[in-house]
Amino acid sequence: MHPGRDLTLYVLARLGLVALVTALLVLVNVPLLVALAVGVVVALPLSLFLFRGLRARVAIGLNERGAQRRAQREELRAQLRGDRGRGDATG
């Protein structure tokens, strides 16, 4: 998994959806700022359904990275306390 890549794709997909909705509204003669505001509001619920798989991959990647960071932080705290680290085979 590549959480950074997945997150970037998700953000770009959501921005693209906002741009698409805005462009469609501008084509039917809605003023640009109004179309942009509506595009932002409409894109939120649409992206929850359209990009469900990508959003799930991002969530899994972020959870895995968070677990890694918590484990590293706990290992560092154990070393600072003078406890033996989990990966320490000596001693």
C-alpha atoms as a PDB file:
ATOM      1  CA  MET A   1       0.000   0.000   0.000  1.00  0.00           C
ATOM      2  CA  HIS A   2       1.058   3.550  -0.656  1.00  0.00           C
ATOM      3  CA  PRO A   3      -0.877   5.826   1.709  1.00  0.00           C
ATOM      4  CA  GLY A   4       0.727   8.995   0.350  1.00  0.00           C
ATOM      5  CA  ARG A   5      -0.144   8.115  -3.221  1.00  0.00           C
ATOM      6  CA  ASP A   6      -3.677   7.058  -2.270  1.00  0.00           C
ATOM      7  CA  LEU A   7      -4.249  10.266  -0.320  1.00  0.00           C
ATOM      8  CA  THR A   8      -2.986  12.360  -3.239  1.00  0.00           C
ATOM      9  CA  LEU A   9      -5.261  10.505  -5.669  1.00  0.00           C
ATOM     10  CA  TYR A  10      -8.239  10.965  -3.347  1.00  0.00           C
ATOM     11  CA  VAL A  11      -7.638  14.711  -2.985  1.00  0.00           C
ATOM     12  CA  LEU A  12      -7.172  15.125  -6.745  1.00  0.00           C
ATOM     13  CA  ALA A  13     -10.307  13.079  -7.436  1.00  0.00           C
ATOM     14  CA  ARG A  14     -12.354  15.261  -5.091  1.00  0.00           C
ATOM     15  CA  LEU A  15     -10.962  18.467  -6.614  1.00  0.00           C
ATOM     16  CA  GLY A  16     -11.709  17.080 -10.069  1.00  0.00           C
ATOM     17  CA  LEU A  17     -15.277  16.361  -9.028  1.00  0.00           C
ATOM     18  CA  VAL A  18     -15.676  19.938  -7.767  1.00  0.00           C
ATOM     19  CA  ALA A  19     -14.281  21.199 -11.082  1.00  0.00           C
ATOM     20  CA  LEU A  20     -16.626  18.942 -13.059  1.00  0.00           C
ATOM     21  CA  VAL A  21     -19.749  20.023 -11.162  1.00  0.00           C
ATOM     22  CA  THR A  22     -18.678  23.677 -11.409  1.00  0.00           C
ATOM     23  CA  ALA A  23     -18.051  23.385 -15.157  1.00  0.00           C
ATOM     24  CA  LEU A  24     -21.430  21.767 -15.742  1.00  0.00           C
ATOM     25  CA  LEU A  25     -23.183  24.537 -13.835  1.00  0.00           C
ATOM     26  CA  VAL A  26     -21.241  27.256 -15.692  1.00  0.00           C
ATOM     27  CA  LEU A  27     -22.322  25.643 -18.982  1.00  0.00           C
ATOM     28  CA  VAL A  28     -25.949  26.200 -18.002  1.00  0.00           C
ATOM     29  CA  ASN A  29     -25.217  29.888 -17.300  1.00  0.00           C
ATOM     30  CA  VAL A  30     -24.855  29.768 -13.520  1.00  0.00           C
ATOM     31  CA  PRO A  31     -22.451  32.493 -12.301  1.00  0.00           C
ATOM     32  CA  LEU A  32     -18.956  31.166 -11.603  1.00  0.00           C
ATOM     33  CA  LEU A  33     -18.832  31.857  -7.852  1.00  0.00           C
ATOM     34  CA  VAL A  34     -22.279  30.377  -7.307  1.00  0.00           C
ATOM     35  CA  ALA A  35     -21.327  27.358  -9.423  1.00  0.00           C
ATOM     36  CA  LEU A  36     -18.131  26.916  -7.425  1.00  0.00           C
ATOM     37  CA  ALA A  37     -19.976  27.116  -4.109  1.00  0.00           C
ATOM     38  CA  VAL A  38     -22.580  24.611  -5.277  1.00  0.00           C
ATOM     39  CA  GLY A  39     -19.822  22.417  -6.704  1.00  0.00           C
ATOM     40  CA  VAL A  40     -18.069  22.245  -3.338  1.00  0.00           C
ATOM     41  CA  VAL A  41     -21.301  21.426  -1.503  1.00  0.00           C
ATOM     42  CA  VAL A  42     -22.462  18.839  -4.052  1.00  0.00           C
ATOM     43  CA  ALA A  43     -19.052  17.182  -4.436  1.00  0.00           C
ATOM     44  CA  LEU A  44     -18.837  16.235  -0.748  1.00  0.00           C
ATOM     45  CA  PRO A  45     -21.680  13.692  -0.650  1.00  0.00           C
ATOM     46  CA  LEU A  46     -20.963  12.540  -4.205  1.00  0.00           C
ATOM     47  CA  SER A  47     -17.345  11.795  -3.369  1.00  0.00           C
ATOM     48  CA  LEU A  48     -18.422   9.664  -0.412  1.00  0.00           C
ATOM     49  CA  PHE A  49     -20.182   7.326  -2.841  1.00  0.00           C
ATOM     50  CA  LEU A  50     -18.084   7.660  -5.985  1.00  0.00           C
ATOM     51  CA  PHE A  51     -14.698   7.283  -4.306  1.00  0.00           C
ATOM     52  CA  ARG A  52     -15.657   4.813  -1.563  1.00  0.00           C
ATOM     53  CA  GLY A  53     -12.885   2.325  -2.402  1.00  0.00           C
ATOM     54  CA  LEU A  54     -10.184   4.958  -2.586  1.00  0.00           C
ATOM     55  CA  ARG A  55     -11.380   6.527   0.659  1.00  0.00           C
ATOM     56  CA  ALA A  56     -11.223   3.114   2.357  1.00  0.00           C
ATOM     57  CA  ARG A  57      -7.648   2.577   1.107  1.00  0.00           C
ATOM     58  CA  VAL A  58      -6.663   5.990   2.470  1.00  0.00           C
ATOM     59  CA  ALA A  59      -8.225   5.192   5.854  1.00  0.00           C
ATOM     60  CA  ILE A  60      -6.473   1.811   6.055  1.00  0.00           C
ATOM     61  CA  GLY A  61      -3.143   3.354   5.102  1.00  0.00           C
ATOM     62  CA  LEU A  62      -3.497   6.116   7.679  1.00  0.00           C
ATOM     63  CA  ASN A  63      -4.467   3.610  10.378  1.00  0.00           C
ATOM     64  CA  GLU A  64      -1.457   1.425   9.574  1.00  0.00           C
ATOM     65  CA  ARG A  65       0.881   4.406   9.639  1.00  0.00           C
ATOM     66  CA  GLY A  66      -0.615   5.541  12.944  1.00  0.00           C
ATOM     67  CA  ALA A  67      -0.045   2.080  14.446  1.00  0.00           C
ATOM     68  CA  GLN A  68       3.576   2.118  13.256  1.00  0.00           C
ATOM     69  CA  ARG A  69       4.134   5.548  14.771  1.00  0.00           C
ATOM     70  CA  ARG A  70       2.581   4.496  18.092  1.00  0.00           C
ATOM     71  CA  ALA A  71       4.811   1.399  18.215  1.00  0.00           C
ATOM     72  CA  GLN A  72       7.911   3.462  17.435  1.00  0.00           C
ATOM     73  CA  ARG A  73       6.972   6.044  20.058  1.00  0.00           C
ATOM     74  CA  GLU A  74       6.398   3.344  22.693  1.00  0.00           C
ATOM     75  CA  GLU A  75       9.737   1.724  21.829  1.00  0.00           C
ATOM     76  CA  LEU A  76      11.494   5.076  22.179  1.00  0.00           C
ATOM     77  CA  ARG A  77       9.805   5.723  25.530  1.00  0.00           C
ATOM     78  CA  ALA A  78      10.886   2.277  26.741  1.00  0.00           C
ATOM     79  CA  GLN A  79      14.467   3.022  25.716  1.00  0.00           C
ATOM     80  CA  LEU A  80      14.349   6.380  27.483  1.00  0.00           C
ATOM     81  CA  ARG A  81      13.079   4.677  30.654  1.00  0.00           C
ATOM     82  CA  GLY A  82      15.962   2.203  30.399  1.00  0.00           C
ATOM     83  CA  ASP A  83      13.704  -0.757  29.700  1.00  0.00           C
ATOM     84  CA  ARG A  84      14.784  -3.314  27.183  1.00  0.00           C
ATOM     85  CA  GLY A  85      13.308  -2.570  23.736  1.00  0.00           C
ATOM     86  CA  ARG A  86      11.047  -5.142  22.127  1.00  0.00           C
ATOM     87  CA  GLY A  87      13.536  -5.769  19.327  1.00  0.00           C
ATOM     88  CA  ASP A  88      16.537  -6.016  21.658  1.00  0.00           C
ATOM     89  CA  ALA A  89      18.034  -9.520  21.381  1.00  0.00           C
ATOM     90  CA  THR A  90      20.963  -8.765  23.702  1.00  0.00           C
ATOM     91  CA  GLY A  91      21.004  -8.602  27.432  1.00  0.00           C
END
